[in-house]
N, C-alpha and C. Protein backbone atom coordinates (compact mmCIF):
# COMPACT_ATOMS: atom_id res chain seq x y z
N MET A 1 1.32 -3.47 15.94
CA MET A 1 1.41 -4.91 15.89
C MET A 1 2.83 -5.26 15.46
N THR A 2 3.47 -6.12 16.18
CA THR A 2 4.85 -6.47 15.86
C THR A 2 4.90 -7.46 14.71
N GLU A 3 6.07 -7.53 14.09
CA GLU A 3 6.27 -8.47 12.99
C GLU A 3 6.05 -9.91 13.46
N GLU A 4 6.53 -10.23 14.68
CA GLU A 4 6.36 -11.57 15.21
C GLU A 4 4.88 -11.91 15.36
N ARG A 5 4.10 -10.96 15.85
CA ARG A 5 2.67 -11.20 16.03
C ARG A 5 1.98 -11.39 14.68
N LEU A 6 2.35 -10.56 13.73
CA LEU A 6 1.78 -10.72 12.39
C LEU A 6 2.05 -12.11 11.86
N ASP A 7 3.28 -12.56 12.02
CA ASP A 7 3.67 -13.86 11.49
C ASP A 7 2.92 -14.99 12.18
N SER A 8 2.71 -14.87 13.48
CA SER A 8 2.07 -15.97 14.21
C SER A 8 0.55 -15.92 14.17
N ASP A 9 -0.03 -14.73 14.01
CA ASP A 9 -1.49 -14.61 14.07
C ASP A 9 -2.19 -14.86 12.74
N PHE A 10 -1.52 -14.65 11.64
CA PHE A 10 -2.19 -14.72 10.36
C PHE A 10 -1.61 -15.82 9.50
N ALA A 11 -2.31 -16.92 9.41
CA ALA A 11 -1.92 -18.01 8.53
C ALA A 11 -2.85 -17.99 7.32
N PHE A 12 -2.29 -17.74 6.17
CA PHE A 12 -3.09 -17.63 4.95
C PHE A 12 -3.06 -18.93 4.16
N GLY A 13 -2.63 -20.01 4.78
CA GLY A 13 -2.43 -21.27 4.08
C GLY A 13 -3.62 -21.76 3.30
N SER A 14 -4.81 -21.70 3.86
CA SER A 14 -5.98 -22.24 3.17
C SER A 14 -6.32 -21.42 1.93
N VAL A 15 -5.92 -20.15 1.91
CA VAL A 15 -6.23 -19.30 0.78
C VAL A 15 -5.13 -19.37 -0.28
N LEU A 16 -3.89 -19.36 0.14
CA LEU A 16 -2.79 -19.25 -0.80
C LEU A 16 -2.02 -20.54 -1.03
N GLY A 17 -2.45 -21.63 -0.43
CA GLY A 17 -1.75 -22.88 -0.63
C GLY A 17 -0.48 -23.01 0.18
N GLY A 18 -0.25 -22.14 1.09
CA GLY A 18 0.94 -22.16 1.94
C GLY A 18 0.93 -20.94 2.83
N ARG A 19 1.77 -20.94 3.82
CA ARG A 19 1.81 -19.82 4.75
C ARG A 19 2.49 -18.62 4.11
N LEU A 20 1.85 -17.48 4.19
CA LEU A 20 2.40 -16.26 3.61
C LEU A 20 3.43 -15.68 4.56
N ASN A 21 4.63 -15.54 4.08
CA ASN A 21 5.72 -14.97 4.85
C ASN A 21 5.54 -13.46 4.91
N VAL A 22 5.78 -12.87 6.08
CA VAL A 22 5.64 -11.43 6.26
C VAL A 22 6.55 -10.68 5.29
N ASP A 23 7.74 -11.20 5.05
CA ASP A 23 8.66 -10.55 4.11
C ASP A 23 8.10 -10.57 2.69
N GLU A 24 7.44 -11.65 2.30
CA GLU A 24 6.82 -11.71 0.98
C GLU A 24 5.75 -10.63 0.84
N PHE A 25 4.96 -10.47 1.88
CA PHE A 25 3.91 -9.46 1.88
C PHE A 25 4.52 -8.06 1.79
N ARG A 26 5.54 -7.81 2.59
CA ARG A 26 6.22 -6.51 2.58
C ARG A 26 6.84 -6.26 1.20
N ASN A 27 7.46 -7.28 0.62
CA ASN A 27 8.07 -7.13 -0.71
C ASN A 27 7.02 -6.81 -1.76
N GLU A 28 5.85 -7.43 -1.65
CA GLU A 28 4.78 -7.14 -2.61
C GLU A 28 4.28 -5.71 -2.44
N LEU A 29 4.13 -5.26 -1.21
CA LEU A 29 3.73 -3.87 -0.99
C LEU A 29 4.76 -2.91 -1.58
N GLU A 30 6.03 -3.24 -1.46
CA GLU A 30 7.09 -2.41 -2.04
C GLU A 30 6.97 -2.39 -3.57
N ALA A 31 6.70 -3.53 -4.17
CA ALA A 31 6.53 -3.59 -5.63
C ALA A 31 5.32 -2.77 -6.07
N ILE A 32 4.25 -2.82 -5.29
CA ILE A 32 3.05 -2.03 -5.58
C ILE A 32 3.39 -0.54 -5.49
N TYR A 33 4.13 -0.16 -4.46
CA TYR A 33 4.52 1.25 -4.30
C TYR A 33 5.38 1.71 -5.49
N LYS A 34 6.34 0.89 -5.90
CA LYS A 34 7.22 1.27 -7.01
C LYS A 34 6.43 1.43 -8.31
N LEU A 35 5.49 0.54 -8.55
CA LEU A 35 4.65 0.66 -9.75
C LEU A 35 3.84 1.95 -9.69
N HIS A 36 3.27 2.24 -8.53
CA HIS A 36 2.49 3.47 -8.36
C HIS A 36 3.36 4.70 -8.60
N ALA A 37 4.56 4.72 -8.02
CA ALA A 37 5.45 5.87 -8.18
C ALA A 37 5.81 6.07 -9.66
N ALA A 38 6.08 4.99 -10.37
CA ALA A 38 6.42 5.09 -11.79
C ALA A 38 5.24 5.62 -12.59
N LYS A 39 4.05 5.12 -12.31
CA LYS A 39 2.87 5.58 -13.05
C LYS A 39 2.52 7.02 -12.71
N CYS A 40 2.76 7.43 -11.47
CA CYS A 40 2.53 8.83 -11.10
C CYS A 40 3.38 9.75 -11.96
N SER A 41 4.60 9.32 -12.21
CA SER A 41 5.51 10.11 -13.03
C SER A 41 4.93 10.33 -14.42
N ASP A 42 4.25 9.32 -14.96
CA ASP A 42 3.66 9.43 -16.29
C ASP A 42 2.32 10.15 -16.29
N TYR A 43 1.49 9.89 -15.28
CA TYR A 43 0.11 10.39 -15.31
C TYR A 43 -0.10 11.72 -14.61
N THR A 44 0.56 11.96 -13.50
CA THR A 44 0.26 13.17 -12.71
C THR A 44 1.51 13.94 -12.29
N ALA A 45 2.59 13.81 -13.03
CA ALA A 45 3.88 14.40 -12.64
C ALA A 45 3.79 15.91 -12.42
N ASP A 46 3.04 16.61 -13.24
CA ASP A 46 2.98 18.06 -13.15
C ASP A 46 1.87 18.57 -12.24
N SER A 47 1.16 17.67 -11.58
CA SER A 47 0.03 18.06 -10.75
C SER A 47 0.29 17.70 -9.29
N ALA A 48 -0.16 18.56 -8.40
CA ALA A 48 -0.08 18.25 -6.97
C ALA A 48 -1.20 17.29 -6.57
N ASP A 49 -2.16 17.10 -7.46
CA ASP A 49 -3.30 16.22 -7.20
C ASP A 49 -2.97 14.80 -7.65
N ARG A 50 -2.87 13.89 -6.70
CA ARG A 50 -2.50 12.50 -7.04
C ARG A 50 -3.59 11.79 -7.84
N LEU A 51 -4.77 12.39 -7.92
CA LEU A 51 -5.87 11.79 -8.67
C LEU A 51 -6.26 12.63 -9.89
N ALA A 52 -5.36 13.47 -10.36
CA ALA A 52 -5.69 14.38 -11.47
C ALA A 52 -6.21 13.62 -12.69
N ASN A 53 -5.59 12.50 -13.02
CA ASN A 53 -6.03 11.74 -14.19
C ASN A 53 -7.43 11.17 -13.99
N TYR A 54 -7.72 10.68 -12.79
CA TYR A 54 -9.06 10.15 -12.51
C TYR A 54 -10.10 11.26 -12.49
N ARG A 55 -9.75 12.41 -11.91
CA ARG A 55 -10.69 13.55 -11.88
C ARG A 55 -11.00 14.02 -13.30
N PHE A 56 -9.95 14.11 -14.12
CA PHE A 56 -10.14 14.54 -15.51
C PHE A 56 -11.08 13.60 -16.25
N SER A 57 -10.82 12.30 -16.14
CA SER A 57 -11.67 11.30 -16.81
C SER A 57 -13.11 11.38 -16.33
N ALA A 58 -13.28 11.47 -15.01
CA ALA A 58 -14.63 11.53 -14.44
C ALA A 58 -15.35 12.79 -14.90
N SER A 59 -14.63 13.92 -14.93
CA SER A 59 -15.28 15.17 -15.35
C SER A 59 -15.67 15.11 -16.82
N MET A 60 -14.87 14.45 -17.65
CA MET A 60 -15.22 14.30 -19.07
C MET A 60 -16.51 13.50 -19.24
N MET A 61 -16.74 12.56 -18.33
CA MET A 61 -17.94 11.72 -18.41
C MET A 61 -19.09 12.29 -17.59
N GLY A 62 -18.83 13.35 -16.82
CA GLY A 62 -19.88 13.95 -16.01
C GLY A 62 -20.31 13.09 -14.85
N ILE A 63 -19.36 12.35 -14.28
CA ILE A 63 -19.67 11.47 -13.14
C ILE A 63 -18.73 11.78 -11.98
N PRO A 64 -19.11 11.41 -10.76
CA PRO A 64 -18.22 11.61 -9.62
C PRO A 64 -16.95 10.75 -9.77
N ILE A 65 -15.88 11.21 -9.18
CA ILE A 65 -14.60 10.52 -9.31
C ILE A 65 -14.66 9.08 -8.82
N GLU A 66 -15.42 8.82 -7.75
CA GLU A 66 -15.46 7.45 -7.24
C GLU A 66 -16.09 6.50 -8.26
N ARG A 67 -17.07 7.00 -9.01
CA ARG A 67 -17.68 6.16 -10.04
C ARG A 67 -16.72 5.94 -11.20
N GLY A 68 -15.97 6.98 -11.53
CA GLY A 68 -14.96 6.83 -12.57
C GLY A 68 -13.90 5.82 -12.19
N MET A 69 -13.47 5.88 -10.93
CA MET A 69 -12.46 4.93 -10.46
C MET A 69 -13.02 3.51 -10.43
N LEU A 70 -14.28 3.37 -10.05
CA LEU A 70 -14.91 2.05 -10.07
C LEU A 70 -14.98 1.50 -11.50
N GLY A 71 -15.21 2.38 -12.45
CA GLY A 71 -15.20 1.95 -13.85
C GLY A 71 -13.83 1.43 -14.27
N ARG A 72 -12.79 2.14 -13.86
CA ARG A 72 -11.42 1.69 -14.17
C ARG A 72 -11.13 0.36 -13.48
N LEU A 73 -11.57 0.22 -12.23
CA LEU A 73 -11.39 -1.06 -11.53
C LEU A 73 -12.12 -2.18 -12.26
N ALA A 74 -13.32 -1.90 -12.74
CA ALA A 74 -14.08 -2.91 -13.47
C ALA A 74 -13.32 -3.36 -14.72
N GLU A 75 -12.67 -2.42 -15.41
CA GLU A 75 -11.86 -2.77 -16.58
C GLU A 75 -10.73 -3.71 -16.19
N LYS A 76 -10.08 -3.42 -15.08
CA LYS A 76 -8.97 -4.27 -14.62
C LYS A 76 -9.47 -5.67 -14.25
N PHE A 77 -10.60 -5.74 -13.56
CA PHE A 77 -11.16 -7.05 -13.21
C PHE A 77 -11.59 -7.82 -14.46
N PHE A 78 -12.13 -7.11 -15.44
CA PHE A 78 -12.52 -7.77 -16.69
C PHE A 78 -11.29 -8.31 -17.41
N ARG A 79 -10.19 -7.55 -17.37
CA ARG A 79 -8.93 -8.03 -17.97
C ARG A 79 -8.49 -9.32 -17.29
N LEU A 80 -8.52 -9.34 -15.95
CA LEU A 80 -8.15 -10.56 -15.22
C LEU A 80 -9.03 -11.73 -15.63
N LYS A 81 -10.32 -11.50 -15.67
CA LYS A 81 -11.28 -12.56 -16.05
C LYS A 81 -10.92 -13.11 -17.42
N SER A 82 -10.65 -12.23 -18.36
CA SER A 82 -10.32 -12.64 -19.71
C SER A 82 -9.02 -13.44 -19.75
N ILE A 83 -8.01 -12.99 -19.03
CA ILE A 83 -6.73 -13.70 -18.99
C ILE A 83 -6.90 -15.07 -18.37
N PHE A 84 -7.64 -15.15 -17.28
CA PHE A 84 -7.84 -16.44 -16.62
C PHE A 84 -8.60 -17.41 -17.52
N GLU A 85 -9.60 -16.90 -18.24
CA GLU A 85 -10.37 -17.75 -19.14
C GLU A 85 -9.52 -18.29 -20.29
N LYS A 86 -8.47 -17.55 -20.65
CA LYS A 86 -7.57 -17.98 -21.72
C LYS A 86 -6.33 -18.68 -21.17
N ASP A 87 -6.36 -19.02 -19.90
CA ASP A 87 -5.22 -19.66 -19.24
C ASP A 87 -3.92 -18.89 -19.44
N GLY A 88 -4.02 -17.57 -19.44
CA GLY A 88 -2.84 -16.72 -19.54
C GLY A 88 -2.32 -16.50 -20.94
N ASP A 89 -2.98 -17.05 -21.94
CA ASP A 89 -2.55 -16.90 -23.34
C ASP A 89 -3.07 -15.57 -23.89
N VAL A 90 -2.24 -14.54 -23.77
CA VAL A 90 -2.65 -13.20 -24.22
C VAL A 90 -1.80 -12.78 -25.41
N LYS A 91 -2.38 -11.99 -26.27
CA LYS A 91 -1.67 -11.49 -27.46
C LYS A 91 -0.89 -10.22 -27.16
N VAL A 92 -1.40 -9.39 -26.28
CA VAL A 92 -0.72 -8.17 -25.88
C VAL A 92 -0.19 -8.39 -24.47
N ALA A 93 1.11 -8.53 -24.36
CA ALA A 93 1.70 -8.90 -23.08
C ALA A 93 2.39 -7.73 -22.39
N ASP A 94 1.95 -6.50 -22.68
CA ASP A 94 2.62 -5.35 -22.08
C ASP A 94 2.21 -5.12 -20.63
N GLU A 95 1.17 -5.79 -20.17
CA GLU A 95 0.75 -5.70 -18.77
C GLU A 95 0.53 -7.12 -18.26
N THR A 96 1.35 -7.53 -17.31
CA THR A 96 1.24 -8.87 -16.75
C THR A 96 0.06 -8.96 -15.79
N ILE A 97 -0.31 -10.18 -15.45
CA ILE A 97 -1.34 -10.38 -14.43
C ILE A 97 -0.91 -9.70 -13.14
N GLN A 98 0.38 -9.83 -12.82
CA GLN A 98 0.89 -9.21 -11.59
C GLN A 98 0.72 -7.69 -11.64
N ASP A 99 1.01 -7.09 -12.80
CA ASP A 99 0.82 -5.64 -12.95
C ASP A 99 -0.64 -5.26 -12.76
N THR A 100 -1.54 -6.03 -13.34
CA THR A 100 -2.97 -5.75 -13.22
C THR A 100 -3.42 -5.83 -11.77
N LEU A 101 -2.98 -6.86 -11.06
CA LEU A 101 -3.34 -6.99 -9.64
C LEU A 101 -2.77 -5.83 -8.83
N ARG A 102 -1.56 -5.41 -9.16
CA ARG A 102 -0.96 -4.27 -8.44
C ARG A 102 -1.71 -2.98 -8.76
N ASP A 103 -2.13 -2.81 -10.01
CA ASP A 103 -2.93 -1.63 -10.37
C ASP A 103 -4.22 -1.58 -9.55
N ILE A 104 -4.86 -2.73 -9.40
CA ILE A 104 -6.10 -2.80 -8.62
C ILE A 104 -5.83 -2.39 -7.18
N ALA A 105 -4.73 -2.89 -6.61
CA ALA A 105 -4.38 -2.54 -5.23
C ALA A 105 -4.16 -1.04 -5.09
N VAL A 106 -3.44 -0.45 -6.03
CA VAL A 106 -3.17 0.99 -6.00
C VAL A 106 -4.48 1.77 -6.10
N MET A 107 -5.34 1.40 -7.04
CA MET A 107 -6.60 2.12 -7.21
C MET A 107 -7.47 2.04 -5.96
N CYS A 108 -7.48 0.89 -5.31
CA CYS A 108 -8.27 0.74 -4.08
C CYS A 108 -7.74 1.66 -2.98
N VAL A 109 -6.43 1.74 -2.84
CA VAL A 109 -5.85 2.62 -1.83
C VAL A 109 -6.14 4.07 -2.17
N LEU A 110 -5.97 4.45 -3.44
CA LEU A 110 -6.25 5.83 -3.83
C LEU A 110 -7.72 6.20 -3.60
N LEU A 111 -8.62 5.30 -3.91
CA LEU A 111 -10.05 5.56 -3.69
C LEU A 111 -10.33 5.72 -2.20
N LYS A 112 -9.74 4.87 -1.38
CA LYS A 112 -9.92 4.98 0.07
C LYS A 112 -9.41 6.33 0.57
N LEU A 113 -8.23 6.74 0.11
CA LEU A 113 -7.67 8.03 0.54
C LEU A 113 -8.54 9.19 0.08
N GLU A 114 -9.09 9.10 -1.12
CA GLU A 114 -9.99 10.15 -1.62
C GLU A 114 -11.23 10.24 -0.73
N LEU A 115 -11.83 9.12 -0.41
CA LEU A 115 -13.03 9.13 0.44
C LEU A 115 -12.69 9.60 1.85
N ASP A 116 -11.55 9.16 2.38
CA ASP A 116 -11.11 9.62 3.71
C ASP A 116 -10.94 11.13 3.71
N GLY A 117 -10.35 11.67 2.64
CA GLY A 117 -10.11 13.10 2.55
C GLY A 117 -11.37 13.92 2.50
N ARG A 118 -12.46 13.31 2.09
CA ARG A 118 -13.75 14.00 2.05
C ARG A 118 -14.59 13.69 3.27
N GLY A 119 -14.00 12.93 4.21
CA GLY A 119 -14.74 12.58 5.42
C GLY A 119 -15.86 11.60 5.17
N ARG A 120 -15.76 10.82 4.09
CA ARG A 120 -16.81 9.85 3.76
C ARG A 120 -16.60 8.60 4.59
N ASP A 121 -17.64 8.17 5.27
CA ASP A 121 -17.59 6.94 6.05
C ASP A 121 -18.79 6.11 5.67
N PHE A 122 -18.54 4.98 5.05
CA PHE A 122 -19.63 4.14 4.59
C PHE A 122 -19.88 2.95 5.51
N SER A 123 -19.38 3.03 6.74
CA SER A 123 -19.59 1.91 7.66
C SER A 123 -21.05 1.87 8.10
N ALA A 124 -21.51 0.67 8.37
CA ALA A 124 -22.91 0.47 8.76
C ALA A 124 -23.15 0.91 10.18
């Protein structure tokens, strides 16, 4: 799909209050990638397994990795809910709303890749 087609076919105005520029979307994906790369350095730098931290956590709880990842996603969504309910007035500001949303995006992609790697297809 060409950039021109993307720009003309997808108007997100009703959802985002204005038309989403393809460059804005690409820039956000780049920011998500950079956050993921930085966190990989901290969490899984010495491992060839990009999900080593999630596997470790899941194994400690005796649950499958996908359930462990869903638990982490639930924590992120709960954080968003809490921040929104407080109108952004948070006491610990080390993770912005933007960071939380990017973490959710990364976790969703990692979960998809994990399921793809196991040949899991949940389509109806």
